[in-house]
Amino acid sequence: MKKTLSFIVGLMLLLFTVQRCSSDLAVGQTPSDRCCFAFLPGPIPRRNIASIRATDIRCSEPAFVITTNKNKEFCVRQSSTWAQKLYEEALNSQI
């Protein structure tokens, strides 16, 4: 009887821990709207760009999110040279 009760209590603690950890992971995961899955193939004229930010490092594809003056957002791969230069310029201007 004691072994059965200990086993049930242990199993319940294990299940509680697994459930708790999985819910914490769900809270800490990056929302898909903060990652990019489709990318703009070409550059955006500088005069149309309001801001640029990097996506979260937990995203599967490193990217920049560019917001235009018309408040539209576009994703650009971080490997794009023009986007890298624009991002570096934006970082330097904020210092």
PDB file of N, CA and C in Angstrom:
ATOM      1  N   MET A   1       0.825  -1.193   0.000  1.00  0.00           N
ATOM      2  CA  MET A   1       0.000   0.000   0.000  1.00  0.00           C
ATOM      3  C   MET A   1       0.869   1.255   0.000  1.00  0.00           C
ATOM      4  N   LYS A   2       1.910   1.273   0.849  1.00  0.00           N
ATOM      5  CA  LYS A   2       2.788   2.442   0.903  1.00  0.00           C
ATOM      6  C   LYS A   2       3.514   2.640  -0.413  1.00  0.00           C
ATOM      7  N   LYS A   3       3.951   1.552  -1.050  1.00  0.00           N
ATOM      8  CA  LYS A   3       4.658   1.655  -2.322  1.00  0.00           C
ATOM      9  C   LYS A   3       3.730   2.215  -3.402  1.00  0.00           C
ATOM     10  N   THR A   4       2.504   1.756  -3.411  1.00  0.00           N
ATOM     11  CA  THR A   4       1.537   2.233  -4.401  1.00  0.00           C
ATOM     12  C   THR A   4       1.261   3.716  -4.206  1.00  0.00           C
ATOM     13  N   LEU A   5       1.065   4.133  -2.971  1.00  0.00           N
ATOM     14  CA  LEU A   5       0.805   5.536  -2.665  1.00  0.00           C
ATOM     15  C   LEU A   5       2.011   6.398  -3.035  1.00  0.00           C
ATOM     16  N   SER A   6       3.204   5.938  -2.707  1.00  0.00           N
ATOM     17  CA  SER A   6       4.425   6.668  -3.070  1.00  0.00           C
ATOM     18  C   SER A   6       4.571   6.780  -4.577  1.00  0.00           C
ATOM     19  N   PHE A   7       4.250   5.684  -5.266  1.00  0.00           N
ATOM     20  CA  PHE A   7       4.336   5.689  -6.728  1.00  0.00           C
ATOM     21  C   PHE A   7       3.353   6.697  -7.316  1.00  0.00           C
ATOM     22  N   ILE A   8       2.138   6.726  -6.816  1.00  0.00           N
ATOM     23  CA  ILE A   8       1.111   7.650  -7.330  1.00  0.00           C
ATOM     24  C   ILE A   8       1.500   9.101  -7.043  1.00  0.00           C
ATOM     25  N   VAL A   9       1.966   9.372  -5.842  1.00  0.00           N
ATOM     26  CA  VAL A   9       2.396  10.727  -5.485  1.00  0.00           C
ATOM     27  C   VAL A   9       3.580  11.150  -6.356  1.00  0.00           C
ATOM     28  N   GLY A  10       4.541  10.251  -6.539  1.00  0.00           N
ATOM     29  CA  GLY A  10       5.692  10.547  -7.397  1.00  0.00           C
ATOM     30  C   GLY A  10       5.273  10.809  -8.827  1.00  0.00           C
ATOM     31  N   LEU A  11       4.361   9.993  -9.336  1.00  0.00           N
ATOM     32  CA  LEU A  11       3.869  10.167 -10.705  1.00  0.00           C
ATOM     33  C   LEU A  11       3.131  11.493 -10.852  1.00  0.00           C
ATOM     34  N   MET A  12       2.336  11.838  -9.854  1.00  0.00           N
ATOM     35  CA  MET A  12       1.617  13.113  -9.898  1.00  0.00           C
ATOM     36  C   MET A  12       2.587  14.293  -9.883  1.00  0.00           C
ATOM     37  N   LEU A  13       3.621  14.210  -9.062  1.00  0.00           N
ATOM     38  CA  LEU A  13       4.629  15.273  -9.029  1.00  0.00           C
ATOM     39  C   LEU A  13       5.343  15.391 -10.368  1.00  0.00           C
ATOM     40  N   LEU A  14       5.665  14.256 -10.963  1.00  0.00           N
ATOM     41  CA  LEU A  14       6.316  14.261 -12.267  1.00  0.00           C
ATOM     42  C   LEU A  14       5.410  14.891 -13.326  1.00  0.00           C
ATOM     43  N   LEU A  15       4.161  14.486 -13.355  1.00  0.00           N
ATOM     44  CA  LEU A  15       3.224  15.053 -14.326  1.00  0.00           C
ATOM     45  C   LEU A  15       3.020  16.550 -14.105  1.00  0.00           C
ATOM     46  N   PHE A  16       2.916  16.968 -12.854  1.00  0.00           N
ATOM     47  CA  PHE A  16       2.776  18.387 -12.551  1.00  0.00           C
ATOM     48  C   PHE A  16       3.993  19.165 -13.047  1.00  0.00           C
ATOM     49  N   THR A  17       5.184  18.619 -12.804  1.00  0.00           N
ATOM     50  CA  THR A  17       6.421  19.282 -13.225  1.00  0.00           C
ATOM     51  C   THR A  17       6.480  19.395 -14.744  1.00  0.00           C
ATOM     52  N   VAL A  18       6.150  18.321 -15.435  1.00  0.00           N
ATOM     53  CA  VAL A  18       6.161  18.341 -16.908  1.00  0.00           C
ATOM     54  C   VAL A  18       5.159  19.352 -17.435  1.00  0.00           C
ATOM     55  N   GLN A  19       3.972  19.363 -16.858  1.00  0.00           N
ATOM     56  CA  GLN A  19       2.944  20.312 -17.292  1.00  0.00           C
ATOM     57  C   GLN A  19       3.394  21.739 -17.043  1.00  0.00           C
ATOM     58  N   ARG A  20       3.980  21.977 -15.897  1.00  0.00           N
ATOM     59  CA  ARG A  20       4.438  23.323 -15.524  1.00  0.00           C
ATOM     60  C   ARG A  20       5.555  23.789 -16.447  1.00  0.00           C
ATOM     61  N   CYS A  21       6.497  22.906 -16.724  1.00  0.00           N
ATOM     62  CA  CYS A  21       7.614  23.267 -17.608  1.00  0.00           C
ATOM     63  C   CYS A  21       7.132  23.535 -19.028  1.00  0.00           C
ATOM     64  N   SER A  22       6.216  22.730 -19.505  1.00  0.00           N
ATOM     65  CA  SER A  22       5.740  22.930 -20.871  1.00  0.00           C
ATOM     66  C   SER A  22       4.952  24.229 -20.988  1.00  0.00           C
ATOM     67  N   SER A  23       4.210  24.615 -19.954  1.00  0.00           N
ATOM     68  CA  SER A  23       3.481  25.883 -20.016  1.00  0.00           C
ATOM     69  C   SER A  23       4.452  27.061 -19.933  1.00  0.00           C
ATOM     70  N   ASP A  24       5.544  26.930 -19.172  1.00  0.00           N
ATOM     71  CA  ASP A  24       6.551  27.984 -19.118  1.00  0.00           C
ATOM     72  C   ASP A  24       7.227  28.140 -20.467  1.00  0.00           C
ATOM     73  N   LEU A  25       7.487  27.046 -21.156  1.00  0.00           N
ATOM     74  CA  LEU A  25       8.097  27.131 -22.475  1.00  0.00           C
ATOM     75  C   LEU A  25       7.160  27.820 -23.450  1.00  0.00           C
ATOM     76  N   ALA A  26       5.884  27.511 -23.348  1.00  0.00           N
ATOM     77  CA  ALA A  26       4.931  28.122 -24.266  1.00  0.00           C
ATOM     78  C   ALA A  26       4.897  29.633 -24.070  1.00  0.00           C
ATOM     79  N   VAL A  27       4.998  30.081 -22.825  1.00  0.00           N
ATOM     80  CA  VAL A  27       4.999  31.512 -22.549  1.00  0.00           C
ATOM     81  C   VAL A  27       6.272  32.150 -23.071  1.00  0.00           C
ATOM     82  N   GLY A  28       7.399  31.461 -22.950  1.00  0.00           N
ATOM     83  CA  GLY A  28       8.678  32.026 -23.344  1.00  0.00           C
ATOM     84  C   GLY A  28       9.006  31.897 -24.815  1.00  0.00           C
ATOM     85  N   GLN A  29       8.205  31.171 -25.566  1.00  0.00           N
ATOM     86  CA  GLN A  29       8.496  30.998 -26.979  1.00  0.00           C
ATOM     87  C   GLN A  29       8.216  32.276 -27.752  1.00  0.00           C
ATOM     88  N   THR A  30       8.934  32.412 -28.855  1.00  0.00           N
ATOM     89  CA  THR A  30       8.759  33.585 -29.686  1.00  0.00           C
ATOM     90  C   THR A  30       7.468  33.465 -30.472  1.00  0.00           C
ATOM     91  N   PRO A  31       6.611  34.453 -30.405  1.00  0.00           N
ATOM     92  CA  PRO A  31       5.398  34.409 -31.228  1.00  0.00           C
ATOM     93  C   PRO A  31       5.771  34.445 -32.701  1.00  0.00           C
ATOM     94  N   SER A  32       5.021  33.728 -33.507  1.00  0.00           N
ATOM     95  CA  SER A  32       5.356  33.644 -34.928  1.00  0.00           C
ATOM     96  C   SER A  32       5.273  35.000 -35.616  1.00  0.00           C
ATOM     97  N   ASP A  33       4.481  35.945 -35.080  1.00  0.00           N
ATOM     98  CA  ASP A  33       4.395  37.253 -35.713  1.00  0.00           C
ATOM     99  C   ASP A  33       5.654  38.091 -35.501  1.00  0.00           C
ATOM    100  N   ARG A  34       6.575  37.624 -34.668  1.00  0.00           N
ATOM    101  CA  ARG A  34       7.835  38.328 -34.463  1.00  0.00           C
ATOM    102  C   ARG A  34       8.967  37.699 -35.270  1.00  0.00           C
ATOM    103  N   CYS A  35       8.683  36.638 -35.983  1.00  0.00           N
ATOM    104  CA  CYS A  35       9.658  35.989 -36.853  1.00  0.00           C
ATOM    105  C   CYS A  35       9.207  36.164 -38.303  1.00  0.00           C
ATOM    106  N   CYS A  36      10.145  36.015 -39.202  1.00  0.00           N
ATOM    107  CA  CYS A  36       9.837  36.168 -40.622  1.00  0.00           C
ATOM    108  C   CYS A  36       9.837  34.816 -41.322  1.00  0.00           C
ATOM    109  N   PHE A  37       8.872  34.637 -42.197  1.00  0.00           N
ATOM    110  CA  PHE A  37       8.775  33.403 -42.958  1.00  0.00           C
ATOM    111  C   PHE A  37       8.729  33.670 -44.453  1.00  0.00           C
ATOM    112  N   ALA A  38       8.499  34.901 -44.847  1.00  0.00           N
ATOM    113  CA  ALA A  38       8.521  35.311 -46.258  1.00  0.00           C
ATOM    114  C   ALA A  38       9.372  36.576 -46.340  1.00  0.00           C
ATOM    115  N   PHE A  39      10.163  36.667 -47.399  1.00  0.00           N
ATOM    116  CA  PHE A  39      11.146  37.746 -47.470  1.00  0.00           C
ATOM    117  C   PHE A  39      11.016  38.540 -48.755  1.00  0.00           C
ATOM    118  N   LEU A  40      11.241  39.839 -48.618  1.00  0.00           N
ATOM    119  CA  LEU A  40      11.244  40.742 -49.759  1.00  0.00           C
ATOM    120  C   LEU A  40      12.496  40.457 -50.582  1.00  0.00           C
ATOM    121  N   PRO A  41      12.371  40.280 -51.895  1.00  0.00           N
ATOM    122  CA  PRO A  41      13.540  39.915 -52.701  1.00  0.00           C
ATOM    123  C   PRO A  41      14.500  41.059 -52.991  1.00  0.00           C
ATOM    124  N   GLY A  42      14.010  42.284 -53.002  1.00  0.00           N
ATOM    125  CA  GLY A  42      14.874  43.402 -53.372  1.00  0.00           C
ATOM    126  C   GLY A  42      14.869  44.505 -52.335  1.00  0.00           C
ATOM    127  N   PRO A  43      15.681  45.539 -52.562  1.00  0.00           N
ATOM    128  CA  PRO A  43      15.785  46.635 -51.592  1.00  0.00           C
ATOM    129  C   PRO A  43      14.571  47.563 -51.598  1.00  0.00           C
ATOM    130  N   ILE A  44      14.423  48.280 -50.504  1.00  0.00           N
ATOM    131  CA  ILE A  44      13.398  49.316 -50.359  1.00  0.00           C
ATOM    132  C   ILE A  44      14.131  50.649 -50.400  1.00  0.00           C
ATOM    133  N   PRO A  45      13.624  51.626 -51.147  1.00  0.00           N
ATOM    134  CA  PRO A  45      14.286  52.937 -51.161  1.00  0.00           C
ATOM    135  C   PRO A  45      14.379  53.527 -49.755  1.00  0.00           C
ATOM    136  N   ARG A  46      15.535  54.072 -49.436  1.00  0.00           N
ATOM    137  CA  ARG A  46      15.796  54.620 -48.100  1.00  0.00           C
ATOM    138  C   ARG A  46      14.775  55.678 -47.687  1.00  0.00           C
ATOM    139  N   ARG A  47      14.340  56.473 -48.625  1.00  0.00           N
ATOM    140  CA  ARG A  47      13.394  57.547 -48.294  1.00  0.00           C
ATOM    141  C   ARG A  47      12.045  57.006 -47.802  1.00  0.00           C
ATOM    142  N   ASN A  48      11.772  55.721 -48.086  1.00  0.00           N
ATOM    143  CA  ASN A  48      10.498  55.109 -47.677  1.00  0.00           C
ATOM    144  C   ASN A  48      10.585  54.370 -46.342  1.00  0.00           C
ATOM    145  N   ILE A  49      11.774  54.308 -45.749  1.00  0.00           N
ATOM    146  CA  ILE A  49      11.975  53.513 -44.540  1.00  0.00           C
ATOM    147  C   ILE A  49      11.878  54.384 -43.288  1.00  0.00           C
ATOM    148  N   ALA A  50      10.997  53.964 -42.375  1.00  0.00           N
ATOM    149  CA  ALA A  50      10.838  54.669 -41.100  1.00  0.00           C
ATOM    150  C   ALA A  50      11.706  54.042 -40.018  1.00  0.00           C
ATOM    151  N   SER A  51      11.793  52.700 -40.009  1.00  0.00           N
ATOM    152  CA  SER A  51      12.604  52.025 -38.985  1.00  0.00           C
ATOM    153  C   SER A  51      13.006  50.633 -39.449  1.00  0.00           C
ATOM    154  N   ILE A  52      13.996  50.085 -38.748  1.00  0.00           N
ATOM    155  CA  ILE A  52      14.464  48.725 -39.014  1.00  0.00           C
ATOM    156  C   ILE A  52      14.824  48.091 -37.676  1.00  0.00           C
ATOM    157  N   ARG A  53      14.461  46.831 -37.523  1.00  0.00           N
ATOM    158  CA  ARG A  53      14.814  46.094 -36.303  1.00  0.00           C
ATOM    159  C   ARG A  53      15.138  44.654 -36.681  1.00  0.00           C
ATOM    160  N   ALA A  54      15.953  44.025 -35.860  1.00  0.00           N
ATOM    161  CA  ALA A  54      16.293  42.623 -36.062  1.00  0.00           C
ATOM    162  C   ALA A  54      15.236  41.749 -35.399  1.00  0.00           C
ATOM    163  N   THR A  55      14.986  40.593 -35.991  1.00  0.00           N
ATOM    164  CA  THR A  55      14.072  39.646 -35.371  1.00  0.00           C
ATOM    165  C   THR A  55      14.755  38.991 -34.176  1.00  0.00           C
ATOM    166  N   ASP A  56      13.982  38.340 -33.363  1.00  0.00           N
ATOM    167  CA  ASP A  56      14.490  37.659 -32.184  1.00  0.00           C
ATOM    168  C   ASP A  56      15.485  36.568 -32.584  1.00  0.00           C
ATOM    169  N   ILE A  57      16.493  36.358 -31.767  1.00  0.00           N
ATOM    170  CA  ILE A  57      17.520  35.362 -32.091  1.00  0.00           C
ATOM    171  C   ILE A  57      16.967  33.943 -32.058  1.00  0.00           C
ATOM    172  N   ARG A  58      15.797  33.754 -31.464  1.00  0.00           N
ATOM    173  CA  ARG A  58      15.182  32.424 -31.417  1.00  0.00           C
ATOM    174  C   ARG A  58      14.445  32.076 -32.703  1.00  0.00           C
ATOM    175  N   CYS A  59      14.305  33.024 -33.616  1.00  0.00           N
ATOM    176  CA  CYS A  59      13.650  32.745 -34.897  1.00  0.00           C
ATOM    177  C   CYS A  59      14.531  31.833 -35.736  1.00  0.00           C
ATOM    178  N   SER A  60      13.909  31.011 -36.552  1.00  0.00           N
ATOM    179  CA  SER A  60      14.661  30.045 -37.346  1.00  0.00           C
ATOM    180  C   SER A  60      15.491  30.716 -38.440  1.00  0.00           C
ATOM    181  N   GLU A  61      15.063  31.858 -38.937  1.00  0.00           N
ATOM    182  CA  GLU A  61      15.780  32.571 -39.994  1.00  0.00           C
ATOM    183  C   GLU A  61      16.089  33.981 -39.514  1.00  0.00           C
ATOM    184  N   PRO A  62      17.375  34.345 -39.406  1.00  0.00           N
ATOM    185  CA  PRO A  62      17.711  35.712 -39.001  1.00  0.00           C
ATOM    186  C   PRO A  62      17.215  36.709 -40.048  1.00  0.00           C
ATOM    187  N   ALA A  63      16.537  37.743 -39.581  1.00  0.00           N
ATOM    188  CA  ALA A  63      15.973  38.707 -40.524  1.00  0.00           C
ATOM    189  C   ALA A  63      15.879  40.085 -39.886  1.00  0.00           C
ATOM    190  N   PHE A  64      15.628  41.068 -40.749  1.00  0.00           N
ATOM    191  CA  PHE A  64      15.306  42.423 -40.310  1.00  0.00           C
ATOM    192  C   PHE A  64      13.856  42.691 -40.675  1.00  0.00           C
ATOM    193  N   VAL A  65      13.160  43.395 -39.807  1.00  0.00           N
ATOM    194  CA  VAL A  65      11.808  43.846 -40.111  1.00  0.00           C
ATOM    195  C   VAL A  65      11.906  45.338 -40.372  1.00  0.00           C
ATOM    196  N   ILE A  66      11.538  45.717 -41.580  1.00  0.00           N
ATOM    197  CA  ILE A  66      11.596  47.122 -41.989  1.00  0.00           C
ATOM    198  C   ILE A  66      10.181  47.678 -42.000  1.00  0.00           C
ATOM    199  N   THR A  67      10.001  48.807 -41.325  1.00  0.00           N
ATOM    200  CA  THR A  67       8.717  49.496 -41.317  1.00  0.00           C
ATOM    201  C   THR A  67       8.843  50.713 -42.214  1.00  0.00           C
ATOM    202  N   THR A  68       7.889  50.846 -43.121  1.00  0.00           N
ATOM    203  CA  THR A  68       7.921  51.969 -44.057  1.00  0.00           C
ATOM    204  C   THR A  68       7.196  53.168 -43.461  1.00  0.00           C
ATOM    205  N   ASN A  69       7.301  54.279 -44.156  1.00  0.00           N
ATOM    206  CA  ASN A  69       6.609  55.508 -43.738  1.00  0.00           C
ATOM    207  C   ASN A  69       5.097  55.329 -43.734  1.00  0.00           C
ATOM    208  N   LYS A  70       4.601  54.382 -44.519  1.00  0.00           N
ATOM    209  CA  LYS A  70       3.160  54.105 -44.571  1.00  0.00           C
ATOM    210  C   LYS A  70       2.762  53.036 -43.563  1.00  0.00           C
ATOM    211  N   ASN A  71       3.673  52.742 -42.623  1.00  0.00           N
ATOM    212  CA  ASN A  71       3.445  51.793 -41.530  1.00  0.00           C
ATOM    213  C   ASN A  71       3.236  50.350 -42.008  1.00  0.00           C
ATOM    214  N   LYS A  72       3.845  49.984 -43.112  1.00  0.00           N
ATOM    215  CA  LYS A  72       3.820  48.604 -43.592  1.00  0.00           C
ATOM    216  C   LYS A  72       5.136  47.947 -43.201  1.00  0.00           C
ATOM    217  N   GLU A  73       5.075  46.666 -42.843  1.00  0.00           N
ATOM    218  CA  GLU A  73       6.278  45.949 -42.445  1.00  0.00           C
ATOM    219  C   GLU A  73       6.670  44.923 -43.499  1.00  0.00           C
ATOM    220  N   PHE A  74       7.983  44.841 -43.732  1.00  0.00           N
ATOM    221  CA  PHE A  74       8.533  43.882 -44.682  1.00  0.00           C
ATOM    222  C   PHE A  74       9.703  43.168 -44.034  1.00  0.00           C
ATOM    223  N   CYS A  75       9.842  41.902 -44.324  1.00  0.00           N
ATOM    224  CA  CYS A  75      10.966  41.117 -43.823  1.00  0.00           C
ATOM    225  C   CYS A  75      12.049  41.017 -44.885  1.00  0.00           C
ATOM    226  N   VAL A  76      13.274  41.161 -44.422  1.00  0.00           N
ATOM    227  CA  VAL A  76      14.438  41.078 -45.309  1.00  0.00           C
ATOM    228  C   VAL A  76      15.465  40.184 -44.624  1.00  0.00           C
ATOM    229  N   ARG A  77      16.063  39.297 -45.371  1.00  0.00           N
ATOM    230  CA  ARG A  77      17.094  38.419 -44.792  1.00  0.00           C
ATOM    231  C   ARG A  77      18.271  39.251 -44.285  1.00  0.00           C
ATOM    232  N   GLN A  78      18.838  38.826 -43.169  1.00  0.00           N
ATOM    233  CA  GLN A  78      19.991  39.542 -42.623  1.00  0.00           C
ATOM    234  C   GLN A  78      21.218  39.386 -43.506  1.00  0.00           C
ATOM    235  N   SER A  79      21.196  38.452 -44.409  1.00  0.00           N
ATOM    236  CA  SER A  79      22.320  38.278 -45.325  1.00  0.00           C
ATOM    237  C   SER A  79      22.313  39.321 -46.452  1.00  0.00           C
ATOM    238  N   SER A  80      21.243  40.093 -46.587  1.00  0.00           N
ATOM    239  CA  SER A  80      21.168  41.145 -47.598  1.00  0.00           C
ATOM    240  C   SER A  80      22.105  42.288 -47.222  1.00  0.00           C
ATOM    241  N   THR A  81      23.047  42.581 -48.099  1.00  0.00           N
ATOM    242  CA  THR A  81      24.058  43.606 -47.819  1.00  0.00           C
ATOM    243  C   THR A  81      23.421  44.968 -47.563  1.00  0.00           C
ATOM    244  N   TRP A  82      22.460  45.354 -48.383  1.00  0.00           N
ATOM    245  CA  TRP A  82      21.852  46.677 -48.237  1.00  0.00           C
ATOM    246  C   TRP A  82      21.128  46.796 -46.900  1.00  0.00           C
ATOM    247  N   ALA A  83      20.506  45.699 -46.439  1.00  0.00           N
ATOM    248  CA  ALA A  83      19.794  45.729 -45.165  1.00  0.00           C
ATOM    249  C   ALA A  83      20.777  45.773 -43.993  1.00  0.00           C
ATOM    250  N   GLN A  84      21.898  45.073 -44.126  1.00  0.00           N
ATOM    251  CA  GLN A  84      22.920  45.116 -43.080  1.00  0.00           C
ATOM    252  C   GLN A  84      23.456  46.531 -42.903  1.00  0.00           C
ATOM    253  N   LYS A  85      23.737  47.198 -44.018  1.00  0.00           N
ATOM    254  CA  LYS A  85      24.251  48.578 -43.957  1.00  0.00           C
ATOM    255  C   LYS A  85      23.223  49.510 -43.326  1.00  0.00           C
ATOM    256  N   LEU A  86      21.983  49.362 -43.722  1.00  0.00           N
ATOM    257  CA  LEU A  86      20.911  50.189 -43.176  1.00  0.00           C
ATOM    258  C   LEU A  86      20.762  49.968 -41.669  1.00  0.00           C
ATOM    259  N   TYR A  87      20.834  48.723 -41.241  1.00  0.00           N
ATOM    260  CA  TYR A  87      20.714  48.401 -39.823  1.00  0.00           C
ATOM    261  C   TYR A  87      21.882  48.991 -39.031  1.00  0.00           C
ATOM    262  N   GLU A  88      23.082  48.847 -39.541  1.00  0.00           N
ATOM    263  CA  GLU A  88      24.266  49.411 -38.864  1.00  0.00           C
ATOM    264  C   GLU A  88      24.169  50.930 -38.768  1.00  0.00           C
ATOM    265  N   GLU A  89      23.705  51.570 -39.838  1.00  0.00           N
ATOM    266  CA  GLU A  89      23.525  53.026 -39.807  1.00  0.00           C
ATOM    267  C   GLU A  89      22.486  53.422 -38.757  1.00  0.00           C
ATOM    268  N   ALA A  90      21.411  52.642 -38.665  1.00  0.00           N
ATOM    269  CA  ALA A  90      20.379  52.945 -37.677  1.00  0.00           C
ATOM    270  C   ALA A  90      20.912  52.779 -36.260  1.00  0.00           C
ATOM    271  N   LEU A  91      21.711  51.750 -36.029  1.00  0.00           N
ATOM    272  CA  LEU A  91      22.321  51.562 -34.706  1.00  0.00           C
ATOM    273  C   LEU A  91      23.261  52.698 -34.364  1.00  0.00           C
ATOM    274  N   ASN A  92      24.084  53.106 -35.316  1.00  0.00           N
ATOM    275  CA  ASN A  92      25.054  54.178 -35.070  1.00  0.00           C
ATOM    276  C   ASN A  92      24.377  55.519 -34.834  1.00  0.00           C
ATOM    277  N   SER A  93      23.242  55.750 -35.470  1.00  0.00           N
ATOM    278  CA  SER A  93      22.574  57.043 -35.300  1.00  0.00           C
ATOM    279  C   SER A  93      21.860  57.143 -33.951  1.00  0.00           C
ATOM    280  N   GLN A  94      21.609  56.002 -33.306  1.00  0.00           N
ATOM    281  CA  GLN A  94      20.912  56.017 -32.013  1.00  0.00           C
ATOM    282  C   GLN A  94      21.880  56.195 -30.850  1.00  0.00           C
ATOM    283  N   ILE A  95      23.170  56.098 -31.101  1.00  0.00           N
ATOM    284  CA  ILE A  95      24.166  56.205 -30.025  1.00  0.00           C
ATOM    285  C   ILE A  95      24.414  57.660 -29.682  1.00  0.00           C
TER     286      ILE A  95
END
